[in-house]
């Protein structure tokens, strides 16, 4: 029994993401709005992505910037990487739980309102040098 648990733990550790990343859960912004911002920074260097997020007026830009800076801090602190060598390898926004609210309408009825939440994930990686493969 214990040997199977050890094997499973090894398999899980083997599949675990090795690149530095950060996740923010239950952010009170629709995933649709966050995804437009994430499309702007995907593949960009950290410095360039930070500048884009600082100057973006989209509602999802501020929480996305926080997640990006958290991923950078994780890379520097946990893995000893240099901020200048990092770029946004992958980023995505999944839907979280929705807050259900009611909008009163005529004749005593009510229409449902879904206040959506997002789980924002940013994964960083190190830029390859020109000569490397």
Protein backbone atom coordinates (compact mmCIF):
# COMPACT_ATOMS: atom_id res chain seq x y z
CA UNK A 1 0.00 0.00 0.00
CA UNK A 2 2.68 2.47 1.00
CA UNK A 3 4.75 1.68 -2.08
CA UNK A 4 1.81 2.53 -4.35
CA UNK A 5 1.32 5.83 -2.55
CA UNK A 6 5.02 6.60 -2.98
CA UNK A 7 4.81 5.79 -6.70
CA UNK A 8 1.77 8.00 -7.11
CA UNK A 9 3.49 10.86 -5.26
CA UNK A 10 6.49 10.48 -7.58
CA UNK A 11 4.23 10.59 -10.67
CA UNK A 12 2.47 13.71 -9.41
CA UNK A 13 5.80 15.42 -8.66
CA UNK A 14 7.11 14.46 -12.11
CA UNK A 15 4.11 16.08 -13.87
CA UNK A 16 4.14 19.20 -11.69
CA UNK A 17 4.91 22.50 -13.38
CA UNK A 18 8.64 23.31 -13.05
CA UNK A 19 8.43 26.85 -14.42
CA UNK A 20 7.68 29.71 -12.02
CA UNK A 21 4.01 30.62 -11.89
CA UNK A 22 1.38 32.41 -9.84
CA UNK A 23 -2.39 31.95 -9.53
CA UNK A 24 -5.04 34.35 -8.25
CA UNK A 25 -8.39 32.75 -7.51
CA UNK A 26 -11.90 34.17 -7.19
CA UNK A 27 -11.03 37.56 -8.70
CA UNK A 28 -14.26 39.54 -9.11
CA UNK A 29 -13.80 40.25 -12.85
CA UNK A 30 -15.34 38.29 -15.68
CA UNK A 31 -12.90 35.84 -17.37
CA UNK A 32 -13.95 37.31 -20.72
CA UNK A 33 -12.54 40.71 -19.71
CA UNK A 34 -9.35 39.22 -18.28
CA UNK A 35 -8.64 37.14 -21.39
CA UNK A 36 -8.43 40.27 -23.59
CA UNK A 37 -5.65 41.57 -21.32
CA UNK A 38 -3.85 38.23 -21.21
CA UNK A 39 -3.79 38.10 -25.01
CA UNK A 40 -1.84 41.38 -24.98
CA UNK A 41 0.96 40.11 -22.69
CA UNK A 42 1.33 36.49 -23.81
CA UNK A 43 4.87 35.93 -25.16
CA UNK A 44 6.17 39.34 -24.06
CA UNK A 45 9.07 40.01 -21.71
CA UNK A 46 8.19 40.74 -18.09
CA UNK A 47 9.25 44.38 -18.42
CA UNK A 48 7.14 44.90 -21.54
CA UNK A 49 4.14 43.05 -20.08
CA UNK A 50 4.30 45.15 -16.92
CA UNK A 51 4.31 48.36 -18.99
CA UNK A 52 1.32 47.16 -21.01
CA UNK A 53 -0.65 46.30 -17.87
CA UNK A 54 0.18 49.61 -16.15
CA UNK A 55 -1.16 51.59 -19.10
CA UNK A 56 -4.20 49.44 -19.83
CA UNK A 57 -7.63 50.79 -18.83
CA UNK A 58 -9.30 47.36 -18.88
CA UNK A 59 -10.74 46.25 -15.54
CA UNK A 60 -8.77 43.00 -15.62
CA UNK A 61 -5.39 44.73 -15.99
CA UNK A 62 -4.79 45.51 -12.29
CA UNK A 63 -5.37 41.98 -10.93
CA UNK A 64 -3.41 40.52 -13.85
CA UNK A 65 -0.47 42.81 -13.04
CA UNK A 66 -0.53 41.62 -9.43
CA UNK A 67 -0.40 38.00 -10.58
CA UNK A 68 2.46 38.79 -12.99
CA UNK A 69 4.49 40.49 -10.24
CA UNK A 70 3.80 37.56 -7.91
CA UNK A 71 5.09 35.11 -10.53
CA UNK A 72 8.23 37.26 -10.97
CA UNK A 73 8.79 37.30 -7.21
CA UNK A 74 8.35 33.51 -7.11
CA UNK A 75 10.93 33.11 -9.88
CA UNK A 76 13.46 35.36 -8.14
CA UNK A 77 12.97 34.06 -4.61
CA UNK A 78 12.25 30.35 -5.11
CA UNK A 79 14.33 29.55 -8.19
CA UNK A 80 16.97 32.30 -8.22
CA UNK A 81 16.12 33.51 -11.73
CA UNK A 82 16.91 36.98 -13.04
CA UNK A 83 13.95 39.26 -13.80
CA UNK A 84 15.52 40.52 -17.03
CA UNK A 85 15.62 37.00 -18.54
CA UNK A 86 11.95 36.15 -17.91
CA UNK A 87 9.03 36.26 -20.32
CA UNK A 88 5.36 35.30 -20.13
CA UNK A 89 5.33 31.75 -21.47
CA UNK A 90 1.64 31.07 -20.82
CA UNK A 91 -1.28 32.83 -19.20
CA UNK A 92 -4.93 31.99 -18.99
CA UNK A 93 -8.12 32.86 -17.11
CA UNK A 94 -10.55 30.17 -16.06
CA UNK A 95 -14.02 30.85 -14.77
CA UNK A 96 -14.53 30.66 -11.04
CA UNK A 97 -17.76 30.42 -9.12
CA UNK A 98 -20.51 32.89 -9.96
CA UNK A 99 -22.31 35.01 -7.40
CA UNK A 100 -26.04 34.64 -8.05
CA UNK A 101 -28.14 37.77 -7.71
CA UNK A 102 -31.70 38.68 -8.71
CA UNK A 103 -32.89 41.70 -10.69
CA UNK A 104 -36.54 42.53 -9.93
CA UNK A 105 -38.68 42.98 -13.04
CA UNK A 106 -42.37 43.60 -13.67
CA UNK A 107 -45.24 41.51 -12.31
CA UNK A 108 -43.29 40.35 -9.28
CA UNK A 109 -40.80 38.33 -11.27
CA UNK A 110 -37.04 38.29 -11.03
CA UNK A 111 -34.27 37.72 -13.56
CA UNK A 112 -31.02 36.03 -12.58
CA UNK A 113 -27.77 38.00 -12.66
CA UNK A 114 -24.47 36.12 -12.61
CA UNK A 115 -21.58 38.07 -11.14
CA UNK A 116 -18.67 36.08 -12.52
CA UNK A 117 -15.27 35.43 -10.97
CA UNK A 118 -11.93 34.42 -12.52
CA UNK A 119 -8.94 32.27 -11.71
CA UNK A 120 -5.93 33.99 -13.34
CA UNK A 121 -2.74 31.99 -13.98
CA UNK A 122 0.56 33.39 -15.29
CA UNK A 123 3.47 31.06 -16.11
CA UNK A 124 6.94 32.51 -16.78
CA UNK A 125 9.98 31.01 -18.45
CA UNK A 126 13.55 32.00 -19.25
CA UNK A 127 14.38 33.43 -22.66
CA UNK A 128 16.69 31.26 -24.72
CA UNK A 129 19.88 32.86 -26.01
CA UNK A 130 20.18 33.38 -29.77
CA UNK A 131 22.60 30.50 -30.28
CA UNK A 132 20.83 27.98 -28.03
CA UNK A 133 18.18 25.52 -29.08
